[in-house]
Amino acid sequence: MSAQLQKWRGFFDSPSINSLDTGFDPPHQSDTRTIYIANRFPQHGHYIPQKFADNRIISSKYTVWNFVPKNLFEQFRRIANFYFLIIFLVQLMIDTPTSPITSGLPFYCLGNKCVFSQGYEDWLRHKADNEVNGAPVYVVRSGGLVKTRSKNIRVRDFGMLALHVTCSSL
């Protein structure tokens, strides 16, 4: 072992310097270091791969499962809609000179118009997302050029771009 390495190893092993004083842990005391090349990792579970986000683009607000609750929350978050809902409920419970239909019908029609328009806009967003996510791209994998969809691009992929071609994220 070289004298420089002995000096540093002695520095970290000394009782006066520990991880609490310096703010960092001393390096591992191993003489070897393993570097994995070309994603060839050991089979025995020594390596834990990192989880990366996928490359899908999602610009829509709703799914099939959360459309109704999220949309109702969005509608009644507006103070005017909440006010007219309260007025409608009061007219249903208390005997008033006006019919509850006079406030309930316009409230229902405007609410449905907003629900359908937001649903249609979100459907268009889903279509645009699927179009972008399904766009063909060329990436280098295993030493060759492979055609894949843009949603299947992974971290550490090299891509090939051409002129006048849009690409979501490469």
N, C-alpha and C. Protein backbone atom coordinates (compact mmCIF):
# COMPACT_ATOMS: atom_id res chain seq x y z
N MET A 1 0.83 -1.17 0.00
CA MET A 1 0.00 0.00 0.00
C MET A 1 0.88 1.25 0.00
N SER A 2 0.45 2.25 -0.68
CA SER A 2 1.26 3.47 -0.77
C SER A 2 1.18 4.25 0.54
N ALA A 3 2.14 5.11 0.72
CA ALA A 3 2.20 5.92 1.94
C ALA A 3 1.02 6.89 2.02
N GLN A 4 0.61 7.43 0.85
CA GLN A 4 -0.51 8.37 0.82
C GLN A 4 -1.80 7.69 1.29
N LEU A 5 -2.04 6.46 0.80
CA LEU A 5 -3.23 5.71 1.19
C LEU A 5 -3.18 5.39 2.68
N GLN A 6 -2.00 5.01 3.18
CA GLN A 6 -1.86 4.72 4.60
C GLN A 6 -2.17 5.97 5.44
N LYS A 7 -1.73 7.12 4.95
CA LYS A 7 -1.97 8.37 5.67
C LYS A 7 -3.47 8.65 5.78
N TRP A 8 -4.20 8.53 4.65
CA TRP A 8 -5.64 8.81 4.67
C TRP A 8 -6.40 7.75 5.47
N ARG A 9 -5.99 6.50 5.35
CA ARG A 9 -6.67 5.45 6.10
C ARG A 9 -6.46 5.69 7.60
N GLY A 10 -5.30 6.09 7.98
CA GLY A 10 -5.04 6.41 9.38
C GLY A 10 -5.83 7.63 9.84
N PHE A 11 -6.05 8.59 8.94
CA PHE A 11 -6.82 9.79 9.27
C PHE A 11 -8.26 9.42 9.63
N PHE A 12 -8.88 8.54 8.82
CA PHE A 12 -10.27 8.18 9.08
C PHE A 12 -10.41 7.18 10.21
N ASP A 13 -9.35 6.43 10.51
CA ASP A 13 -9.44 5.44 11.58
C ASP A 13 -9.16 6.05 12.95
N SER A 14 -8.64 7.25 12.99
CA SER A 14 -8.27 7.84 14.27
C SER A 14 -9.51 8.12 15.11
N PRO A 15 -9.41 7.92 16.43
CA PRO A 15 -10.59 8.11 17.29
C PRO A 15 -11.04 9.56 17.39
N SER A 16 -10.17 10.53 17.08
CA SER A 16 -10.58 11.92 17.21
C SER A 16 -11.48 12.37 16.06
N ILE A 17 -11.41 11.68 14.95
CA ILE A 17 -12.23 12.03 13.79
C ILE A 17 -13.28 10.93 13.62
N ASN A 18 -14.52 11.30 13.73
CA ASN A 18 -15.58 10.34 13.46
C ASN A 18 -16.66 11.02 12.63
N SER A 19 -17.69 10.28 12.30
CA SER A 19 -18.72 10.82 11.40
C SER A 19 -19.50 11.97 12.04
N LEU A 20 -19.55 12.03 13.36
CA LEU A 20 -20.29 13.13 13.99
C LEU A 20 -19.53 14.44 13.90
N ASP A 21 -18.18 14.36 13.99
CA ASP A 21 -17.38 15.57 13.95
C ASP A 21 -17.29 16.15 12.54
N THR A 22 -17.14 15.29 11.55
CA THR A 22 -16.90 15.77 10.19
C THR A 22 -18.18 15.95 9.38
N GLY A 23 -19.27 15.30 9.77
CA GLY A 23 -20.51 15.44 9.02
C GLY A 23 -20.66 14.43 7.90
N PHE A 24 -19.70 13.51 7.76
CA PHE A 24 -19.84 12.48 6.75
C PHE A 24 -19.24 11.18 7.28
N ASP A 25 -19.69 10.08 6.72
CA ASP A 25 -19.18 8.78 7.13
C ASP A 25 -17.86 8.50 6.43
N PRO A 26 -16.91 7.85 7.10
CA PRO A 26 -15.67 7.50 6.43
C PRO A 26 -15.95 6.48 5.33
N PRO A 27 -15.08 6.42 4.32
CA PRO A 27 -15.32 5.48 3.23
C PRO A 27 -15.22 4.05 3.71
N HIS A 28 -15.80 3.14 2.95
CA HIS A 28 -15.74 1.72 3.29
C HIS A 28 -14.28 1.27 3.28
N GLN A 29 -13.97 0.34 4.12
CA GLN A 29 -12.59 -0.10 4.28
C GLN A 29 -12.25 -1.27 3.35
N SER A 30 -12.83 -1.32 2.18
CA SER A 30 -12.56 -2.39 1.24
C SER A 30 -11.41 -2.01 0.32
N ASP A 31 -10.56 -3.02 -0.01
CA ASP A 31 -9.45 -2.77 -0.91
C ASP A 31 -9.86 -2.85 -2.37
N THR A 32 -11.04 -3.42 -2.66
CA THR A 32 -11.47 -3.59 -4.05
C THR A 32 -12.70 -2.75 -4.34
N ARG A 33 -12.87 -2.47 -5.58
CA ARG A 33 -14.04 -1.72 -6.04
C ARG A 33 -14.48 -2.36 -7.34
N THR A 34 -15.78 -2.58 -7.49
CA THR A 34 -16.30 -3.23 -8.68
C THR A 34 -17.08 -2.23 -9.50
N ILE A 35 -16.79 -2.17 -10.78
CA ILE A 35 -17.50 -1.31 -11.71
C ILE A 35 -18.18 -2.21 -12.73
N TYR A 36 -19.49 -2.02 -12.90
CA TYR A 36 -20.26 -2.84 -13.84
C TYR A 36 -20.38 -2.10 -15.16
N ILE A 37 -20.07 -2.77 -16.24
CA ILE A 37 -20.09 -2.17 -17.57
C ILE A 37 -21.18 -2.82 -18.39
N ALA A 38 -21.87 -2.00 -19.20
CA ALA A 38 -22.91 -2.46 -20.14
C ALA A 38 -24.06 -3.16 -19.43
N ASN A 39 -24.41 -2.68 -18.26
CA ASN A 39 -25.57 -3.18 -17.50
C ASN A 39 -25.49 -4.67 -17.20
N ARG A 40 -24.29 -5.21 -17.03
CA ARG A 40 -24.13 -6.61 -16.65
C ARG A 40 -23.91 -6.66 -15.14
N PHE A 41 -24.98 -6.79 -14.40
CA PHE A 41 -24.94 -6.74 -12.95
C PHE A 41 -24.92 -8.16 -12.39
N PRO A 42 -24.49 -8.33 -11.15
CA PRO A 42 -24.45 -9.67 -10.56
C PRO A 42 -25.84 -10.24 -10.40
N GLN A 43 -25.91 -11.56 -10.44
CA GLN A 43 -27.20 -12.26 -10.36
C GLN A 43 -27.63 -12.54 -8.93
N HIS A 44 -26.79 -12.32 -7.96
CA HIS A 44 -27.07 -12.76 -6.60
C HIS A 44 -27.70 -11.70 -5.71
N GLY A 45 -28.22 -10.65 -6.30
CA GLY A 45 -28.95 -9.65 -5.52
C GLY A 45 -28.08 -8.62 -4.83
N HIS A 46 -26.80 -8.51 -5.21
CA HIS A 46 -25.94 -7.50 -4.60
C HIS A 46 -26.30 -6.10 -5.11
N TYR A 47 -26.78 -6.04 -6.32
CA TYR A 47 -27.08 -4.76 -6.94
C TYR A 47 -28.58 -4.52 -6.89
N ILE A 48 -28.99 -3.34 -6.42
CA ILE A 48 -30.40 -2.98 -6.40
C ILE A 48 -30.62 -1.91 -7.47
N PRO A 49 -31.32 -2.24 -8.55
CA PRO A 49 -31.51 -1.24 -9.61
C PRO A 49 -32.39 -0.10 -9.15
N GLN A 50 -32.12 1.09 -9.69
CA GLN A 50 -32.91 2.26 -9.35
C GLN A 50 -34.20 2.26 -10.15
N LYS A 51 -35.22 2.83 -9.57
CA LYS A 51 -36.51 2.96 -10.25
C LYS A 51 -36.58 4.35 -10.85
N PHE A 52 -36.73 4.42 -12.16
CA PHE A 52 -36.85 5.70 -12.84
C PHE A 52 -38.27 5.84 -13.37
N ALA A 53 -38.70 7.07 -13.53
CA ALA A 53 -40.02 7.32 -14.10
C ALA A 53 -40.00 6.92 -15.57
N ASP A 54 -41.14 6.49 -16.05
CA ASP A 54 -41.20 6.13 -17.47
C ASP A 54 -41.32 7.39 -18.31
N ASN A 55 -41.34 7.22 -19.61
CA ASN A 55 -41.27 8.36 -20.53
C ASN A 55 -42.63 8.78 -21.06
N ARG A 56 -43.71 8.26 -20.48
CA ARG A 56 -45.03 8.63 -20.96
C ARG A 56 -45.34 10.08 -20.63
N ILE A 57 -46.06 10.72 -21.53
CA ILE A 57 -46.52 12.09 -21.31
C ILE A 57 -48.00 12.02 -20.98
N ILE A 58 -48.37 12.62 -19.87
CA ILE A 58 -49.77 12.64 -19.44
C ILE A 58 -50.14 14.09 -19.16
N SER A 59 -50.96 14.67 -20.03
CA SER A 59 -51.38 16.05 -19.83
C SER A 59 -52.86 16.13 -19.44
N SER A 60 -53.53 15.00 -19.38
CA SER A 60 -54.95 15.01 -19.03
C SER A 60 -55.12 15.08 -17.52
N LYS A 61 -56.28 15.59 -17.10
CA LYS A 61 -56.56 15.74 -15.68
C LYS A 61 -57.29 14.54 -15.11
N TYR A 62 -58.10 13.89 -15.92
CA TYR A 62 -59.02 12.88 -15.40
C TYR A 62 -58.72 11.50 -15.97
N THR A 63 -59.18 10.49 -15.22
CA THR A 63 -59.23 9.12 -15.72
C THR A 63 -60.70 8.69 -15.68
N VAL A 64 -60.96 7.49 -16.12
CA VAL A 64 -62.35 7.00 -16.09
C VAL A 64 -62.84 6.91 -14.65
N TRP A 65 -61.93 6.57 -13.73
CA TRP A 65 -62.33 6.33 -12.35
C TRP A 65 -62.50 7.61 -11.54
N ASN A 66 -61.77 8.66 -11.86
CA ASN A 66 -61.85 9.85 -11.02
C ASN A 66 -62.54 11.03 -11.70
N PHE A 67 -63.18 10.82 -12.83
CA PHE A 67 -63.78 11.94 -13.55
C PHE A 67 -64.91 12.59 -12.76
N VAL A 68 -65.86 11.81 -12.27
CA VAL A 68 -67.02 12.39 -11.58
C VAL A 68 -66.62 13.09 -10.28
N PRO A 69 -65.87 12.46 -9.37
CA PRO A 69 -65.54 13.19 -8.13
C PRO A 69 -64.65 14.42 -8.36
N LYS A 70 -63.66 14.28 -9.23
CA LYS A 70 -62.78 15.43 -9.47
C LYS A 70 -63.53 16.57 -10.14
N ASN A 71 -64.41 16.23 -11.08
CA ASN A 71 -65.15 17.26 -11.79
C ASN A 71 -66.14 17.96 -10.86
N LEU A 72 -66.81 17.20 -10.01
CA LEU A 72 -67.73 17.82 -9.05
C LEU A 72 -66.97 18.74 -8.10
N PHE A 73 -65.79 18.30 -7.67
CA PHE A 73 -64.98 19.16 -6.81
C PHE A 73 -64.59 20.44 -7.54
N GLU A 74 -64.20 20.32 -8.81
CA GLU A 74 -63.82 21.50 -9.61
C GLU A 74 -65.01 22.44 -9.77
N GLN A 75 -66.20 21.88 -10.00
CA GLN A 75 -67.38 22.71 -10.21
C GLN A 75 -67.77 23.47 -8.94
N PHE A 76 -67.78 22.77 -7.81
CA PHE A 76 -68.26 23.41 -6.58
C PHE A 76 -67.16 24.15 -5.85
N ARG A 77 -65.95 24.15 -6.38
CA ARG A 77 -64.90 25.00 -5.85
C ARG A 77 -65.15 26.45 -6.23
N ARG A 78 -65.84 26.64 -7.32
CA ARG A 78 -66.22 28.01 -7.72
C ARG A 78 -67.33 28.51 -6.80
N ILE A 79 -67.17 29.67 -6.30
CA ILE A 79 -68.09 30.20 -5.29
C ILE A 79 -69.49 30.40 -5.86
N ALA A 80 -69.62 30.78 -7.12
CA ALA A 80 -70.94 31.01 -7.71
C ALA A 80 -71.71 29.69 -7.80
N ASN A 81 -71.07 28.62 -8.23
CA ASN A 81 -71.74 27.32 -8.32
C ASN A 81 -72.15 26.83 -6.94
N PHE A 82 -71.28 27.00 -5.97
CA PHE A 82 -71.61 26.58 -4.61
C PHE A 82 -72.79 27.38 -4.06
N TYR A 83 -72.81 28.67 -4.34
CA TYR A 83 -73.90 29.53 -3.89
C TYR A 83 -75.24 29.06 -4.49
N PHE A 84 -75.27 28.81 -5.79
CA PHE A 84 -76.51 28.38 -6.41
C PHE A 84 -76.93 26.98 -5.95
N LEU A 85 -75.99 26.14 -5.61
CA LEU A 85 -76.34 24.83 -5.04
C LEU A 85 -77.02 25.01 -3.68
N ILE A 86 -76.48 25.89 -2.85
CA ILE A 86 -77.08 26.14 -1.54
C ILE A 86 -78.48 26.73 -1.70
N ILE A 87 -78.64 27.68 -2.62
CA ILE A 87 -79.97 28.28 -2.87
C ILE A 87 -80.95 27.20 -3.32
N PHE A 88 -80.53 26.33 -4.19
CA PHE A 88 -81.39 25.25 -4.68
C PHE A 88 -81.78 24.32 -3.53
N LEU A 89 -80.82 23.96 -2.67
CA LEU A 89 -81.14 23.07 -1.55
C LEU A 89 -82.07 23.74 -0.54
N VAL A 90 -81.90 25.03 -0.31
CA VAL A 90 -82.79 25.75 0.60
C VAL A 90 -84.21 25.78 0.02
N GLN A 91 -84.33 26.00 -1.29
CA GLN A 91 -85.66 26.02 -1.91
C GLN A 91 -86.32 24.65 -1.88
N LEU A 92 -85.54 23.59 -1.87
CA LEU A 92 -86.11 22.25 -1.76
C LEU A 92 -86.64 21.99 -0.36
N MET A 93 -85.95 22.48 0.67
CA MET A 93 -86.31 22.16 2.04
C MET A 93 -87.37 23.10 2.62
N ILE A 94 -87.36 24.36 2.23
CA ILE A 94 -88.26 25.35 2.81
C ILE A 94 -89.31 25.71 1.77
N ASP A 95 -90.49 25.94 2.25
CA ASP A 95 -91.57 26.35 1.34
C ASP A 95 -91.32 27.80 0.91
N THR A 96 -90.99 27.98 -0.36
CA THR A 96 -90.70 29.31 -0.88
C THR A 96 -91.73 29.67 -1.94
N PRO A 97 -91.89 30.97 -2.21
CA PRO A 97 -92.88 31.36 -3.22
C PRO A 97 -92.45 30.96 -4.64
N THR A 98 -91.19 30.74 -4.86
CA THR A 98 -90.75 30.31 -6.21
C THR A 98 -90.53 28.81 -6.20
N SER A 99 -90.65 28.24 -7.33
CA SER A 99 -90.46 26.80 -7.47
C SER A 99 -88.96 26.47 -7.46
N PRO A 100 -88.60 25.32 -6.90
CA PRO A 100 -87.19 24.93 -6.94
C PRO A 100 -86.69 24.69 -8.38
N ILE A 101 -87.61 24.47 -9.28
CA ILE A 101 -87.21 24.24 -10.67
C ILE A 101 -86.62 25.51 -11.28
N THR A 102 -87.08 26.67 -10.84
CA THR A 102 -86.58 27.93 -11.41
C THR A 102 -85.09 28.14 -11.13
N SER A 103 -84.61 27.64 -10.00
CA SER A 103 -83.17 27.75 -9.75
C SER A 103 -82.43 26.45 -10.06
N GLY A 104 -83.12 25.33 -9.96
CA GLY A 104 -82.48 24.04 -10.18
C GLY A 104 -82.22 23.72 -11.64
N LEU A 105 -83.14 24.06 -12.52
CA LEU A 105 -82.99 23.73 -13.93
C LEU A 105 -81.82 24.47 -14.59
N PRO A 106 -81.70 25.80 -14.42
CA PRO A 106 -80.52 26.46 -15.00
C PRO A 106 -79.20 25.96 -14.38
N PHE A 107 -79.23 25.72 -13.07
CA PHE A 107 -78.04 25.20 -12.40
C PHE A 107 -77.65 23.84 -12.98
N TYR A 108 -78.62 22.98 -13.20
CA TYR A 108 -78.39 21.65 -13.77
C TYR A 108 -77.88 21.74 -15.21
N CYS A 109 -78.48 22.60 -16.01
CA CYS A 109 -78.08 22.73 -17.42
C CYS A 109 -76.66 23.29 -17.55
N LEU A 110 -76.35 24.34 -16.79
CA LEU A 110 -75.01 24.90 -16.85
C LEU A 110 -73.97 23.94 -16.30
N GLY A 111 -74.33 23.23 -15.24
CA GLY A 111 -73.40 22.24 -14.68
C GLY A 111 -73.10 21.13 -15.68
N ASN A 112 -74.13 20.63 -16.35
CA ASN A 112 -73.92 19.58 -17.35
C ASN A 112 -73.10 20.08 -18.53
N LYS A 113 -73.34 21.32 -18.93
CA LYS A 113 -72.57 21.88 -20.04
C LYS A 113 -71.08 21.90 -19.68
N CYS A 114 -70.77 22.35 -18.46
CA CYS A 114 -69.37 22.39 -18.02
C CYS A 114 -68.78 20.98 -17.91
N VAL A 115 -69.57 20.04 -17.39
CA VAL A 115 -69.08 18.67 -17.24
C VAL A 115 -68.78 18.07 -18.62
N PHE A 116 -69.68 18.22 -19.56
CA PHE A 116 -69.47 17.63 -20.88
C PHE A 116 -68.33 18.33 -21.63
N SER A 117 -68.22 19.63 -21.49
CA SER A 117 -67.14 20.33 -22.19
C SER A 117 -65.78 19.94 -21.60
N GLN A 118 -65.68 19.83 -20.28
CA GLN A 118 -64.42 19.40 -19.68
C GLN A 118 -64.09 17.95 -20.00
N GLY A 119 -65.12 17.11 -20.06
CA GLY A 119 -64.91 15.72 -20.45
C GLY A 119 -64.41 15.61 -21.88
N TYR A 120 -64.98 16.40 -22.79
CA TYR A 120 -64.55 16.39 -24.19
C TYR A 120 -63.12 16.90 -24.33
N GLU A 121 -62.80 17.99 -23.63
CA GLU A 121 -61.43 18.52 -23.68
C GLU A 121 -60.43 17.52 -23.14
N ASP A 122 -60.79 16.82 -22.07
CA ASP A 122 -59.88 15.83 -21.51
C ASP A 122 -59.72 14.64 -22.44
N TRP A 123 -60.79 14.25 -23.13
CA TRP A 123 -60.70 13.17 -24.12
C TRP A 123 -59.74 13.57 -25.25
N LEU A 124 -59.81 14.84 -25.68
CA LEU A 124 -58.87 15.31 -26.71
C LEU A 124 -57.43 15.29 -26.19
N ARG A 125 -57.24 15.62 -24.92
CA ARG A 125 -55.90 15.54 -24.33
C ARG A 125 -55.39 14.10 -24.32
N HIS A 126 -56.27 13.16 -23.97
CA HIS A 126 -55.89 11.75 -23.99
C HIS A 126 -55.48 11.31 -25.40
N LYS A 127 -56.23 11.76 -26.39
CA LYS A 127 -55.88 11.42 -27.77
C LYS A 127 -54.52 11.99 -28.16
N ALA A 128 -54.28 13.24 -27.82
CA ALA A 128 -52.99 13.87 -28.14
C ALA A 128 -51.85 13.18 -27.39
N ASP A 129 -52.08 12.81 -26.12
CA ASP A 129 -51.05 12.10 -25.36
C ASP A 129 -50.72 10.76 -26.01
N ASN A 130 -51.75 10.02 -26.42
CA ASN A 130 -51.52 8.73 -27.06
C ASN A 130 -50.77 8.88 -28.38
N GLU A 131 -51.05 9.95 -29.09
CA GLU A 131 -50.36 10.19 -30.36
C GLU A 131 -48.87 10.47 -30.12
N VAL A 132 -48.58 11.31 -29.13
CA VAL A 132 -47.18 11.63 -28.83
C VAL A 132 -46.47 10.41 -28.23
N ASN A 133 -47.13 9.69 -27.33
CA ASN A 133 -46.50 8.53 -26.70
C ASN A 133 -46.28 7.39 -27.69
N GLY A 134 -47.06 7.33 -28.75
CA GLY A 134 -46.92 6.27 -29.73
C GLY A 134 -46.06 6.64 -30.92
N ALA A 135 -45.46 7.82 -30.91
CA ALA A 135 -44.63 8.26 -32.03
C ALA A 135 -43.40 7.38 -32.14
N PRO A 136 -43.02 6.99 -33.37
CA PRO A 136 -41.84 6.13 -33.52
C PRO A 136 -40.55 6.93 -33.35
N VAL A 137 -39.61 6.35 -32.63
CA VAL A 137 -38.29 6.93 -32.44
C VAL A 137 -37.25 5.82 -32.60
N TYR A 138 -36.04 6.22 -32.89
CA TYR A 138 -34.94 5.26 -33.03
C TYR A 138 -33.98 5.46 -31.87
N VAL A 139 -33.69 4.37 -31.15
CA VAL A 139 -32.75 4.41 -30.04
C VAL A 139 -31.69 3.34 -30.24
N VAL A 140 -30.55 3.56 -29.60
CA VAL A 140 -29.47 2.58 -29.67
C VAL A 140 -29.58 1.68 -28.46
N ARG A 141 -29.80 0.40 -28.71
CA ARG A 141 -29.86 -0.62 -27.66
C ARG A 141 -29.07 -1.83 -28.12
N SER A 142 -28.28 -2.36 -27.24
CA SER A 142 -27.48 -3.55 -27.52
C SER A 142 -26.60 -3.36 -28.75
N GLY A 143 -26.12 -2.17 -28.96
CA GLY A 143 -25.21 -1.91 -30.06
C GLY A 143 -25.86 -1.72 -31.41
N GLY A 144 -27.17 -1.70 -31.48
CA GLY A 144 -27.86 -1.52 -32.76
C GLY A 144 -28.96 -0.48 -32.66
N LEU A 145 -29.39 0.00 -33.80
CA LEU A 145 -30.46 0.98 -33.86
C LEU A 145 -31.81 0.26 -33.87
N VAL A 146 -32.65 0.59 -32.91
CA VAL A 146 -33.93 -0.10 -32.73
C VAL A 146 -35.05 0.93 -32.84
N LYS A 147 -36.11 0.59 -33.59
CA LYS A 147 -37.28 1.45 -33.69
C LYS A 147 -38.24 1.09 -32.57
N THR A 148 -38.64 2.09 -31.80
CA THR A 148 -39.57 1.87 -30.70
C THR A 148 -40.49 3.06 -30.58
N ARG A 149 -41.43 3.00 -29.66
CA ARG A 149 -42.34 4.13 -29.41
C ARG A 149 -41.71 5.05 -28.38
N SER A 150 -42.10 6.31 -28.41
CA SER A 150 -41.47 7.27 -27.50
C SER A 150 -41.78 6.99 -26.04
N LYS A 151 -42.90 6.32 -25.73
CA LYS A 151 -43.20 6.01 -24.34
C LYS A 151 -42.30 4.89 -23.80
N ASN A 152 -41.62 4.16 -24.68
CA ASN A 152 -40.75 3.06 -24.26
C ASN A 152 -39.30 3.46 -24.11
N ILE A 153 -38.99 4.73 -24.25
CA ILE A 153 -37.62 5.19 -24.06
C ILE A 153 -37.28 5.07 -22.58
N ARG A 154 -36.10 4.55 -22.30
CA ARG A 154 -35.67 4.36 -20.92
C ARG A 154 -34.48 5.27 -20.62
N VAL A 155 -34.18 5.39 -19.35
CA VAL A 155 -33.00 6.14 -18.94
C VAL A 155 -31.79 5.43 -19.51
N ARG A 156 -30.83 6.16 -19.97
CA ARG A 156 -29.58 5.70 -20.58
C ARG A 156 -29.75 5.27 -22.02
N ASP A 157 -30.86 5.54 -22.65
CA ASP A 157 -31.02 5.26 -24.09
C ASP A 157 -30.48 6.44 -24.88
N PHE A 158 -29.76 6.15 -25.93
CA PHE A 158 -29.33 7.18 -26.87
C PHE A 158 -30.30 7.16 -28.03
N GLY A 159 -30.74 8.33 -28.43
CA GLY A 159 -31.71 8.40 -29.51
C GLY A 159 -31.14 9.10 -30.73
N MET A 160 -31.79 8.85 -31.86
CA MET A 160 -31.39 9.49 -33.10
C MET A 160 -32.51 10.42 -33.52
N LEU A 161 -32.19 11.68 -33.74
CA LEU A 161 -33.16 12.67 -34.19
C LEU A 161 -32.86 13.07 -35.62
N ALA A 162 -33.91 13.35 -36.36
CA ALA A 162 -33.78 13.82 -37.73
C ALA A 162 -34.30 15.25 -37.80
N LEU A 163 -34.01 15.93 -38.89
CA LEU A 163 -34.50 17.28 -39.07
C LEU A 163 -36.02 17.27 -39.25
N HIS A 164 -36.69 18.28 -38.72
CA HIS A 164 -38.13 18.49 -38.88
C HIS A 164 -38.95 17.34 -38.27
N VAL A 165 -38.44 16.74 -37.24
CA VAL A 165 -39.16 15.66 -36.54
C VAL A 165 -39.35 16.10 -35.09
N THR A 166 -40.58 16.02 -34.61
CA THR A 166 -40.83 16.38 -33.22
C THR A 166 -40.60 15.15 -32.35
N CYS A 167 -40.09 15.39 -31.18
CA CYS A 167 -39.84 14.32 -30.23
C CYS A 167 -40.22 14.82 -28.85
N SER A 168 -40.94 14.00 -28.10
CA SER A 168 -41.43 14.44 -26.80
C SER A 168 -40.28 14.65 -25.82
N SER A 169 -39.50 13.65 -25.56
CA SER A 169 -38.34 13.80 -24.67
C SER A 169 -37.37 12.69 -24.99
N LEU A 170 -36.23 13.09 -25.39
CA LEU A 170 -35.23 12.10 -25.75
C LEU A 170 -33.91 12.50 -25.19
